[in-house]
C-alpha atoms as a PDB file:
ATOM      1  CA  MET A   1     -28.826  35.136  36.737  1.00  0.00           C
ATOM      2  CA  ASP A   2     -28.847  31.360  37.213  1.00  0.00           C
ATOM      3  CA  ASN A   3     -30.596  31.038  33.849  1.00  0.00           C
ATOM      4  CA  VAL A   4     -27.858  33.071  32.163  1.00  0.00           C
ATOM      5  CA  GLN A   5     -25.165  30.884  33.676  1.00  0.00           C
ATOM      6  CA  GLU A   6     -26.964  27.856  32.281  1.00  0.00           C
ATOM      7  CA  LEU A   7     -26.702  29.419  28.826  1.00  0.00           C
ATOM      8  CA  TYR A   8     -22.923  29.744  29.196  1.00  0.00           C
ATOM      9  CA  LYS A   9     -22.735  26.091  30.208  1.00  0.00           C
ATOM     10  CA  ARG A  10     -24.716  25.127  27.130  1.00  0.00           C
ATOM     11  CA  VAL A  11     -22.234  27.024  24.938  1.00  0.00           C
ATOM     12  CA  LEU A  12     -19.344  25.125  26.509  1.00  0.00           C
ATOM     13  CA  ASN A  13     -21.214  21.837  26.042  1.00  0.00           C
ATOM     14  CA  GLY A  14     -21.989  22.550  22.388  1.00  0.00           C
ATOM     15  CA  ASP A  15     -25.751  22.824  22.861  1.00  0.00           C
ATOM     16  CA  GLY A  16     -27.506  25.075  20.400  1.00  0.00           C
ATOM     17  CA  LEU A  17     -28.984  28.367  21.546  1.00  0.00           C
ATOM     18  CA  SER A  18     -31.955  30.206  20.136  1.00  0.00           C
ATOM     19  CA  LEU A  19     -31.470  33.704  18.775  1.00  0.00           C
ATOM     20  CA  LYS A  20     -33.088  35.162  21.908  1.00  0.00           C
ATOM     21  CA  GLU A  21     -30.799  33.127  24.169  1.00  0.00           C
ATOM     22  CA  SER A  22     -27.719  34.239  22.226  1.00  0.00           C
ATOM     23  CA  GLN A  23     -28.782  37.855  22.577  1.00  0.00           C
ATOM     24  CA  THR A  24     -29.213  37.293  26.321  1.00  0.00           C
ATOM     25  CA  ILE A  25     -25.542  36.288  26.495  1.00  0.00           C
ATOM     26  CA  PHE A  26     -24.482  39.396  24.570  1.00  0.00           C
ATOM     27  CA  LEU A  27     -26.405  41.618  26.974  1.00  0.00           C
ATOM     28  CA  ASP A  28     -25.002  39.813  29.998  1.00  0.00           C
ATOM     29  CA  ILE A  29     -21.436  40.386  28.780  1.00  0.00           C
ATOM     30  CA  GLN A  30     -22.209  44.084  28.340  1.00  0.00           C
ATOM     31  CA  ARG A  31     -23.764  44.176  31.803  1.00  0.00           C
ATOM     32  CA  ARG A  32     -20.682  42.570  33.377  1.00  0.00           C
ATOM     33  CA  ASP A  33     -18.200  44.611  31.378  1.00  0.00           C
ATOM     34  CA  PRO A  34     -19.804  47.945  30.398  1.00  0.00           C
ATOM     35  CA  GLY A  35     -17.629  50.243  28.351  1.00  0.00           C
ATOM     36  CA  SER A  36     -15.314  47.444  27.231  1.00  0.00           C
ATOM     37  CA  THR A  37     -15.657  48.445  23.573  1.00  0.00           C
ATOM     38  CA  HIS A  38     -14.462  51.973  24.279  1.00  0.00           C
ATOM     39  CA  ASP A  39     -11.642  50.756  26.504  1.00  0.00           C
ATOM     40  CA  ALA A  40     -10.403  48.518  23.707  1.00  0.00           C
ATOM     41  CA  MET A  41     -10.979  50.801  20.722  1.00  0.00           C
ATOM     42  CA  LYS A  42      -9.290  53.876  22.155  1.00  0.00           C
ATOM     43  CA  LYS A  43      -6.001  51.922  22.215  1.00  0.00           C
ATOM     44  CA  TYR A  44      -6.106  51.011  18.511  1.00  0.00           C
ATOM     45  CA  VAL A  45      -4.301  53.801  16.675  1.00  0.00           C
ATOM     46  CA  SER A  46      -3.510  54.411  13.011  1.00  0.00           C
ATOM     47  CA  ALA A  47      -0.160  55.584  11.662  1.00  0.00           C
ATOM     48  CA  ALA A  48      -1.658  59.096  11.709  1.00  0.00           C
ATOM     49  CA  GLY A  49      -2.463  58.780  15.428  1.00  0.00           C
ATOM     50  CA  GLN A  50      -6.241  58.384  15.088  1.00  0.00           C
ATOM     51  CA  ASN A  51      -8.310  55.855  16.998  1.00  0.00           C
ATOM     52  CA  THR A  52     -11.410  54.185  15.575  1.00  0.00           C
ATOM     53  CA  TYR A  53     -13.790  56.859  16.878  1.00  0.00           C
ATOM     54  CA  GLN A  54     -11.752  59.643  15.298  1.00  0.00           C
ATOM     55  CA  ILE A  55     -11.554  57.748  12.009  1.00  0.00           C
ATOM     56  CA  LEU A  56     -15.339  57.320  11.962  1.00  0.00           C
ATOM     57  CA  VAL A  57     -15.938  61.015  12.679  1.00  0.00           C
ATOM     58  CA  ALA A  58     -13.473  62.007   9.949  1.00  0.00           C
ATOM     59  CA  GLU A  59     -15.577  60.088   7.427  1.00  0.00           C
ATOM     60  CA  ILE A  60     -18.514  62.442   7.982  1.00  0.00           C
ATOM     61  CA  ALA A  61     -17.095  65.660   9.459  1.00  0.00           C
ATOM     62  CA  ASP A  62     -16.812  67.683   6.255  1.00  0.00           C
ATOM     63  CA  GLN A  63     -20.231  66.841   4.853  1.00  0.00           C
ATOM     64  CA  PHE A  64     -22.752  66.389   7.627  1.00  0.00           C
ATOM     65  CA  LEU A  65     -22.246  69.056  10.257  1.00  0.00           C
ATOM     66  CA  ALA A  66     -25.317  70.317  12.119  1.00  0.00           C
ATOM     67  CA  LYS A  67     -27.639  67.576  10.866  1.00  0.00           C
ATOM     68  CA  ARG A  68     -29.671  65.177  12.963  1.00  0.00           C
ATOM     69  CA  MET A  69     -27.566  62.119  13.706  1.00  0.00           C
ATOM     70  CA  LEU A  70     -28.331  58.700  15.200  1.00  0.00           C
ATOM     71  CA  ASP A  71     -25.600  56.602  16.823  1.00  0.00           C
ATOM     72  CA  LEU A  72     -26.752  53.014  16.270  1.00  0.00           C
ATOM     73  CA  GLY A  73     -25.429  50.644  18.929  1.00  0.00           C
ATOM     74  CA  CYS A  74     -24.135  53.602  20.936  1.00  0.00           C
ATOM     75  CA  GLY A  75     -23.129  51.579  24.005  1.00  0.00           C
ATOM     76  CA  THR A  76     -21.955  53.938  26.748  1.00  0.00           C
ATOM     77  CA  GLY A  77     -22.088  56.900  24.352  1.00  0.00           C
ATOM     78  CA  ASP A  78     -18.354  57.330  23.933  1.00  0.00           C
ATOM     79  CA  LEU A  79     -18.604  58.510  20.332  1.00  0.00           C
ATOM     80  CA  VAL A  80     -19.960  61.792  21.737  1.00  0.00           C
ATOM     81  CA  ARG A  81     -16.487  62.585  23.079  1.00  0.00           C
ATOM     82  CA  TYR A  82     -15.197  62.852  19.523  1.00  0.00           C
ATOM     83  CA  LEU A  83     -18.080  64.440  17.634  1.00  0.00           C
ATOM     84  CA  GLY A  84     -17.670  68.060  18.669  1.00  0.00           C
ATOM     85  CA  ARG A  85     -20.335  70.700  19.170  1.00  0.00           C
ATOM     86  CA  ALA A  86     -21.418  70.816  15.537  1.00  0.00           C
ATOM     87  CA  PHE A  87     -22.695  67.257  15.867  1.00  0.00           C
ATOM     88  CA  ASN A  88     -23.675  67.138  19.516  1.00  0.00           C
ATOM     89  CA  HIS A  89     -26.680  69.439  19.366  1.00  0.00           C
ATOM     90  CA  SER A  90     -28.417  67.005  16.998  1.00  0.00           C
ATOM     91  CA  TYR A  91     -27.121  63.701  18.385  1.00  0.00           C
ATOM     92  CA  SER A  92     -29.206  60.721  19.553  1.00  0.00           C
ATOM     93  CA  GLY A  93     -27.976  57.275  20.575  1.00  0.00           C
ATOM     94  CA  ILE A  94     -29.741  53.914  20.773  1.00  0.00           C
ATOM     95  CA  ASP A  95     -28.664  50.575  22.247  1.00  0.00           C
ATOM     96  CA  GLN A  96     -30.384  47.437  23.545  1.00  0.00           C
ATOM     97  CA  SER A  97     -28.133  47.202  26.606  1.00  0.00           C
ATOM     98  CA  GLU A  98     -29.912  48.886  29.511  1.00  0.00           C
ATOM     99  CA  SER A  99     -26.721  48.886  31.580  1.00  0.00           C
ATOM    100  CA  GLU A 100     -24.742  50.753  28.923  1.00  0.00           C
ATOM    101  CA  ILE A 101     -27.575  53.192  28.184  1.00  0.00           C
ATOM    102  CA  ALA A 102     -27.696  54.015  31.907  1.00  0.00           C
ATOM    103  CA  ILE A 103     -23.983  54.869  31.831  1.00  0.00           C
ATOM    104  CA  ALA A 104     -24.432  56.969  28.686  1.00  0.00           C
ATOM    105  CA  ARG A 105     -27.239  58.997  30.224  1.00  0.00           C
ATOM    106  CA  LYS A 106     -25.217  59.626  33.362  1.00  0.00           C
ATOM    107  CA  SER A 107     -22.011  60.487  31.494  1.00  0.00           C
ATOM    108  CA  PHE A 108     -23.669  62.733  28.883  1.00  0.00           C
ATOM    109  CA  PRO A 109     -26.857  64.142  30.433  1.00  0.00           C
ATOM    110  CA  ASP A 110     -27.299  66.791  27.716  1.00  0.00           C
ATOM    111  CA  TRP A 111     -27.822  64.259  24.909  1.00  0.00           C
ATOM    112  CA  SER A 112     -30.592  61.819  24.064  1.00  0.00           C
ATOM    113  CA  PHE A 113     -30.078  58.078  24.610  1.00  0.00           C
ATOM    114  CA  ASP A 114     -32.837  55.572  23.914  1.00  0.00           C
ATOM    115  CA  PHE A 115     -33.225  51.923  24.834  1.00  0.00           C
ATOM    116  CA  GLY A 116     -34.215  49.811  21.843  1.00  0.00           C
ATOM    117  CA  ARG A 117     -33.288  47.224  19.251  1.00  0.00           C
ATOM    118  CA  ALA A 118     -31.732  47.970  15.878  1.00  0.00           C
ATOM    119  CA  GLU A 119     -34.326  45.759  14.178  1.00  0.00           C
ATOM    120  CA  ALA A 120     -37.251  47.759  15.647  1.00  0.00           C
ATOM    121  CA  MET A 121     -36.195  51.332  16.384  1.00  0.00           C
ATOM    122  CA  PRO A 122     -38.631  53.660  18.205  1.00  0.00           C
ATOM    123  CA  TYR A 123     -38.388  56.388  15.558  1.00  0.00           C
ATOM    124  CA  GLY A 124     -40.574  57.615  12.768  1.00  0.00           C
ATOM    125  CA  ARG A 125     -39.880  57.400   9.068  1.00  0.00           C
ATOM    126  CA  ASN A 126     -37.234  59.772   7.649  1.00  0.00           C
ATOM    127  CA  GLU A 127     -36.145  61.185  11.043  1.00  0.00           C
ATOM    128  CA  PHE A 128     -32.352  61.277  10.561  1.00  0.00           C
ATOM    129  CA  GLU A 129     -30.003  62.701   7.964  1.00  0.00           C
ATOM    130  CA  CYS A 130     -27.035  60.709   9.220  1.00  0.00           C
ATOM    131  CA  ILE A 131     -26.736  57.349  11.004  1.00  0.00           C
ATOM    132  CA  VAL A 132     -23.399  56.137  12.354  1.00  0.00           C
ATOM    133  CA  SER A 133     -22.382  52.747  13.712  1.00  0.00           C
ATOM    134  CA  HIS A 134     -19.143  52.056  15.572  1.00  0.00           C
ATOM    135  CA  MET A 135     -18.129  48.397  15.986  1.00  0.00           C
ATOM    136  CA  PHE A 136     -21.740  47.232  15.988  1.00  0.00           C
ATOM    137  CA  LEU A 137     -23.104  46.220  12.600  1.00  0.00           C
ATOM    138  CA  HIS A 138     -20.962  43.101  12.248  1.00  0.00           C
ATOM    139  CA  MET A 139     -22.400  41.829  15.552  1.00  0.00           C
ATOM    140  CA  VAL A 140     -26.133  42.030  14.778  1.00  0.00           C
ATOM    141  CA  SER A 141     -28.022  38.787  14.294  1.00  0.00           C
ATOM    142  CA  ASP A 142     -30.669  40.136  11.909  1.00  0.00           C
ATOM    143  CA  LEU A 143     -28.639  42.206   9.478  1.00  0.00           C
ATOM    144  CA  GLY A 144     -31.426  42.401   6.901  1.00  0.00           C
ATOM    145  CA  GLY A 145     -33.943  43.644   9.450  1.00  0.00           C
ATOM    146  CA  THR A 146     -31.454  46.191  10.782  1.00  0.00           C
ATOM    147  CA  LEU A 147     -30.687  47.562   7.321  1.00  0.00           C
ATOM    148  CA  SER A 148     -34.422  47.837   6.591  1.00  0.00           C
ATOM    149  CA  GLU A 149     -34.858  49.878   9.773  1.00  0.00           C
ATOM    150  CA  ILE A 150     -31.871  52.079   8.927  1.00  0.00           C
ATOM    151  CA  ARG A 151     -33.423  52.801   5.554  1.00  0.00           C
ATOM    152  CA  ARG A 152     -36.817  53.514   7.135  1.00  0.00           C
ATOM    153  CA  VAL A 153     -35.608  56.118   9.649  1.00  0.00           C
ATOM    154  CA  LEU A 154     -33.051  57.693   7.291  1.00  0.00           C
ATOM    155  CA  LYS A 155     -34.158  60.654   5.200  1.00  0.00           C
ATOM    156  CA  PRO A 156     -33.892  60.474   1.389  1.00  0.00           C
ATOM    157  CA  GLY A 157     -30.374  61.571   0.518  1.00  0.00           C
ATOM    158  CA  GLY A 158     -29.206  60.753   4.056  1.00  0.00           C
ATOM    159  CA  VAL A 159     -26.111  58.698   4.764  1.00  0.00           C
ATOM    160  CA  PHE A 160     -25.176  55.705   6.862  1.00  0.00           C
ATOM    161  CA  VAL A 161     -21.538  55.170   7.829  1.00  0.00           C
ATOM    162  CA  SER A 162     -20.220  52.146   9.704  1.00  0.00           C
ATOM    163  CA  LEU A 163     -16.840  51.174  11.129  1.00  0.00           C
ATOM    164  CA  TYR A 164     -16.329  47.469  11.794  1.00  0.00           C
ATOM    165  CA  ARG A 165     -13.666  44.821  12.269  1.00  0.00           C
ATOM    166  CA  ASP A 166     -12.303  43.421   9.010  1.00  0.00           C
ATOM    167  CA  PRO A 167     -12.734  39.634   9.375  1.00  0.00           C
ATOM    168  CA  GLY A 168     -10.518  39.033   6.360  1.00  0.00           C
ATOM    169  CA  TYR A 169      -7.455  40.702   7.875  1.00  0.00           C
ATOM    170  CA  VAL A 170      -5.018  38.225   9.392  1.00  0.00           C
ATOM    171  CA  ASN A 171      -1.287  38.537   9.989  1.00  0.00           C
ATOM    172  CA  SER A 172       1.114  36.108  11.616  1.00  0.00           C
ATOM    173  CA  ASN A 173       0.758  37.745  15.027  1.00  0.00           C
ATOM    174  CA  LEU A 174      -3.032  37.537  15.019  1.00  0.00           C
ATOM    175  CA  LYS A 175      -2.863  34.001  13.705  1.00  0.00           C
ATOM    176  CA  GLY A 176      -0.620  33.022  16.621  1.00  0.00           C
ATOM    177  CA  ILE A 177      -3.029  34.552  19.145  1.00  0.00           C
ATOM    178  CA  ARG A 178      -6.021  32.835  17.568  1.00  0.00           C
ATOM    179  CA  GLU A 179      -4.211  29.511  17.663  1.00  0.00           C
ATOM    180  CA  ILE A 180      -3.616  29.978  21.397  1.00  0.00           C
ATOM    181  CA  ILE A 181      -7.281  30.813  22.026  1.00  0.00           C
ATOM    182  CA  TRP A 182      -8.798  28.043  19.959  1.00  0.00           C
ATOM    183  CA  GLY A 183      -6.166  25.564  21.086  1.00  0.00           C
ATOM    184  CA  TYR A 184      -7.134  26.251  24.693  1.00  0.00           C
ATOM    185  CA  ILE A 185     -10.848  25.978  23.920  1.00  0.00           C
ATOM    186  CA  SER A 186     -10.428  22.780  21.897  1.00  0.00           C
ATOM    187  CA  LYS A 187      -8.440  21.170  24.709  1.00  0.00           C
ATOM    188  CA  ASN A 188     -10.686  22.194  27.580  1.00  0.00           C
ATOM    189  CA  TYR A 189     -14.090  22.536  25.906  1.00  0.00           C
ATOM    190  CA  PRO A 190     -14.047  20.339  22.779  1.00  0.00           C
ATOM    191  CA  LYS A 191     -17.819  20.699  22.279  1.00  0.00           C
ATOM    192  CA  PHE A 192     -17.753  24.528  22.434  1.00  0.00           C
ATOM    193  CA  SER A 193     -20.205  26.147  20.017  1.00  0.00           C
ATOM    194  CA  PHE A 194     -21.688  29.634  19.763  1.00  0.00           C
ATOM    195  CA  LYS A 195     -23.562  31.220  16.877  1.00  0.00           C
ATOM    196  CA  VAL A 196     -25.803  34.243  16.516  1.00  0.00           C
ATOM    197  CA  GLY A 197     -27.944  34.485  13.422  1.00  0.00           C
ATOM    198  CA  ASN A 198     -26.255  33.906  10.082  1.00  0.00           C
ATOM    199  CA  HIS A 199     -22.546  33.382  10.769  1.00  0.00           C
ATOM    200  CA  LYS A 200     -21.703  34.855   7.377  1.00  0.00           C
ATOM    201  CA  GLN A 201     -23.027  38.239   8.417  1.00  0.00           C
ATOM    202  CA  GLY A 202     -19.680  39.096   9.949  1.00  0.00           C
ATOM    203  CA  ASP A 203     -18.018  38.777   6.555  1.00  0.00           C
ATOM    204  CA  SER A 204     -17.508  42.130   4.904  1.00  0.00           C
ATOM    205  CA  PRO A 205     -18.581  40.946   1.401  1.00  0.00           C
ATOM    206  CA  CYS A 206     -21.919  39.798   2.828  1.00  0.00           C
ATOM    207  CA  LEU A 207     -22.323  43.087   4.708  1.00  0.00           C
ATOM    208  CA  GLU A 208     -21.710  45.095   1.553  1.00  0.00           C
ATOM    209  CA  GLU A 209     -23.947  42.902  -0.605  1.00  0.00           C
ATOM    210  CA  GLN A 210     -26.827  43.233   1.845  1.00  0.00           C
ATOM    211  CA  MET A 211     -26.451  47.004   1.860  1.00  0.00           C
ATOM    212  CA  PHE A 212     -26.722  47.065  -1.908  1.00  0.00           C
ATOM    213  CA  SER A 213     -29.717  44.708  -1.817  1.00  0.00           C
ATOM    214  CA  HIS A 214     -31.458  47.309   0.368  1.00  0.00           C
ATOM    215  CA  ASP A 215     -30.877  49.943  -2.331  1.00  0.00           C
ATOM    216  CA  PHE A 216     -28.140  51.896  -0.603  1.00  0.00           C
ATOM    217  CA  LYS A 217     -25.636  53.592  -2.877  1.00  0.00           C
ATOM    218  CA  LEU A 218     -21.934  53.265  -2.082  1.00  0.00           C
ATOM    219  CA  ARG A 219     -20.287  56.627  -1.484  1.00  0.00           C
ATOM    220  CA  ALA A 220     -16.947  55.644   0.081  1.00  0.00           C
ATOM    221  CA  GLN A 221     -15.162  52.635   1.486  1.00  0.00           C
ATOM    222  CA  ASN A 222     -11.806  52.337   3.252  1.00  0.00           C
ATOM    223  CA  ALA A 223      -9.680  49.649   4.867  1.00  0.00           C
ATOM    224  CA  MET A 224      -7.020  50.303   7.506  1.00  0.00           C
ATOM    225  CA  VAL A 225      -4.708  48.563   9.927  1.00  0.00           C
ATOM    226  CA  LEU A 226      -4.455  49.888  13.492  1.00  0.00           C
ATOM    227  CA  LYS A 227      -1.875  49.037  16.110  1.00  0.00           C
ATOM    228  CA  ASP A 228      -2.836  48.231  19.681  1.00  0.00           C
ATOM    229  CA  GLN A 229      -0.887  50.696  21.853  1.00  0.00           C
ATOM    230  CA  GLY A 230      -1.377  48.814  25.100  1.00  0.00           C
ATOM    231  CA  SER A 231       1.201  46.830  27.050  1.00  0.00           C
ATOM    232  CA  PRO A 232       1.304  43.024  26.546  1.00  0.00           C
ATOM    233  CA  ALA A 233      -0.732  42.628  29.740  1.00  0.00           C
ATOM    234  CA  LYS A 234      -3.398  45.060  28.524  1.00  0.00           C
ATOM    235  CA  VAL A 235      -3.452  43.623  25.007  1.00  0.00           C
ATOM    236  CA  SER A 236      -3.949  40.081  26.300  1.00  0.00           C
ATOM    237  CA  GLU A 237      -6.693  41.265  28.645  1.00  0.00           C
ATOM    238  CA  THR A 238      -8.472  43.042  25.778  1.00  0.00           C
ATOM    239  CA  VAL A 239      -8.231  40.057  23.450  1.00  0.00           C
ATOM    240  CA  VAL A 240      -9.692  37.676  26.028  1.00  0.00           C
ATOM    241  CA  ARG A 241     -12.605  40.038  26.647  1.00  0.00           C
ATOM    242  CA  MET A 242     -13.592  39.612  22.993  1.00  0.00           C
ATOM    243  CA  PHE A 243     -15.410  36.625  21.515  1.00  0.00           C
ATOM    244  CA  PRO A 244     -14.893  33.722  21.989  1.00  0.00           C
ATOM    245  CA  GLY A 245     -12.839  34.305  25.161  1.00  0.00           C
ATOM    246  CA  ALA A 246     -15.649  36.275  26.803  1.00  0.00           C
ATOM    247  CA  LEU A 247     -17.793  33.133  26.812  1.00  0.00           C
ATOM    248  CA  LEU A 248     -15.371  31.209  29.015  1.00  0.00           C
ATOM    249  CA  PRO A 249     -15.493  31.046  32.829  1.00  0.00           C
ATOM    250  CA  MET A 250     -13.462  33.774  34.517  1.00  0.00           C
ATOM    251  CA  GLU A 251     -10.758  31.385  35.737  1.00  0.00           C
ATOM    252  CA  ASP A 252     -10.209  30.242  32.150  1.00  0.00           C
ATOM    253  CA  GLN A 253     -10.055  33.822  30.932  1.00  0.00           C
ATOM    254  CA  LYS A 254      -7.272  34.565  33.420  1.00  0.00           C
ATOM    255  CA  ILE A 255      -5.265  31.514  32.339  1.00  0.00           C
ATOM    256  CA  LEU A 256      -5.745  32.351  28.669  1.00  0.00           C
ATOM    257  CA  ALA A 257      -4.739  36.000  29.188  1.00  0.00           C
ATOM    258  CA  SER A 258      -1.545  34.847  30.904  1.00  0.00           C
ATOM    259  CA  GLU A 259      -0.711  32.534  27.992  1.00  0.00           C
ATOM    260  CA  ILE A 260      -1.280  35.287  25.430  1.00  0.00           C
ATOM    261  CA  GLN A 261       0.770  37.764  27.462  1.00  0.00           C
ATOM    262  CA  SER A 262       3.690  35.324  27.600  1.00  0.00           C
ATOM    263  CA  TYR A 263       3.434  34.806  23.835  1.00  0.00           C
ATOM    264  CA  LEU A 264       3.514  38.567  23.196  1.00  0.00           C
ATOM    265  CA  GLU A 265       6.426  39.186  25.569  1.00  0.00           C
ATOM    266  CA  GLN A 266       8.548  36.265  24.411  1.00  0.00           C
ATOM    267  CA  ASN A 267       8.130  37.175  20.743  1.00  0.00           C
ATOM    268  CA  GLN A 268       8.172  40.978  21.248  1.00  0.00           C
ATOM    269  CA  ILE A 269       5.029  41.274  19.186  1.00  0.00           C
ATOM    270  CA  ASP A 270       3.024  44.367  18.282  1.00  0.00           C
ATOM    271  CA  VAL A 271      -0.616  43.449  17.688  1.00  0.00           C
ATOM    272  CA  GLU A 272      -2.416  44.968  14.707  1.00  0.00           C
ATOM    273  CA  PHE A 273      -6.070  44.643  13.707  1.00  0.00           C
ATOM    274  CA  GLY A 274      -7.793  45.359  10.404  1.00  0.00           C
ATOM    275  CA  PHE A 275     -10.839  47.628  10.214  1.00  0.00           C
ATOM    276  CA  LYS A 276     -13.121  48.905   7.475  1.00  0.00           C
ATOM    277  CA  THR A 277     -15.412  51.865   7.018  1.00  0.00           C
ATOM    278  CA  ILE A 278     -18.272  52.002   4.560  1.00  0.00           C
ATOM    279  CA  LEU A 279     -20.407  55.052   3.749  1.00  0.00           C
ATOM    280  CA  VAL A 280     -23.642  54.605   1.807  1.00  0.00           C
ATOM    281  CA  SER A 281     -26.547  56.897   0.999  1.00  0.00           C
ATOM    282  CA  LYS A 282     -30.302  56.397   0.724  1.00  0.00           C
ATOM    283  CA  GLU A 283     -31.304  57.374  -2.773  1.00  0.00           C
END
């Protein structure tokens, strides 16, 4: 634990981290705050009343019932709540966070959850007809290695569908929140620096280009804007739990959440985030 805290200090001091050290920080955040992704995502709702899990399931529901499915980066397994029986009997999940896998196994004892990395999955070739990824792919450090593994374990003709944050979507409200966050960091931690892998991997054009370079065929792609339904207090808490706020000491997170809450309340702001889905097939 002391070693992990030293890594956080190095981030605040602008010292570079190795890929392994950066991944250690990711896993520590998941250990300290398991289920945070589900807590946040269930509050983001489309104009039609769907959250991100429901939107992801709708992308595949009509075409891929009763086929073997892998949930890549499954976290605490919350996608299972939305899949329905037609999917559940053939569902498997995988995640590299032991703490979140433990929760998934306890919450959904009838389904299979495996501990492992996306870049080296413990499955044979051509095992799955459908692979899904909810708010995960844009976070991986080795996107090329992950896509190679997806292609390896996916059957010919199988599909991969991913839902991820749209980094290109910015409105005035989000811009104001980001200015508060980075203004606070710049003032208090001017040397702050954190990077995992290729920083461009979070950009949707790069994500799409890498998929095509791995010989996936585009089947469908959608962009959407979802509104956060939480109160200003909950919204500010959720935002601070994301990167880069999650890398700050807890006392700083509390101060930052208070500042964001005041901004939301004073300006009577509704917070919206952009998301994308992409569905490709292995030819």
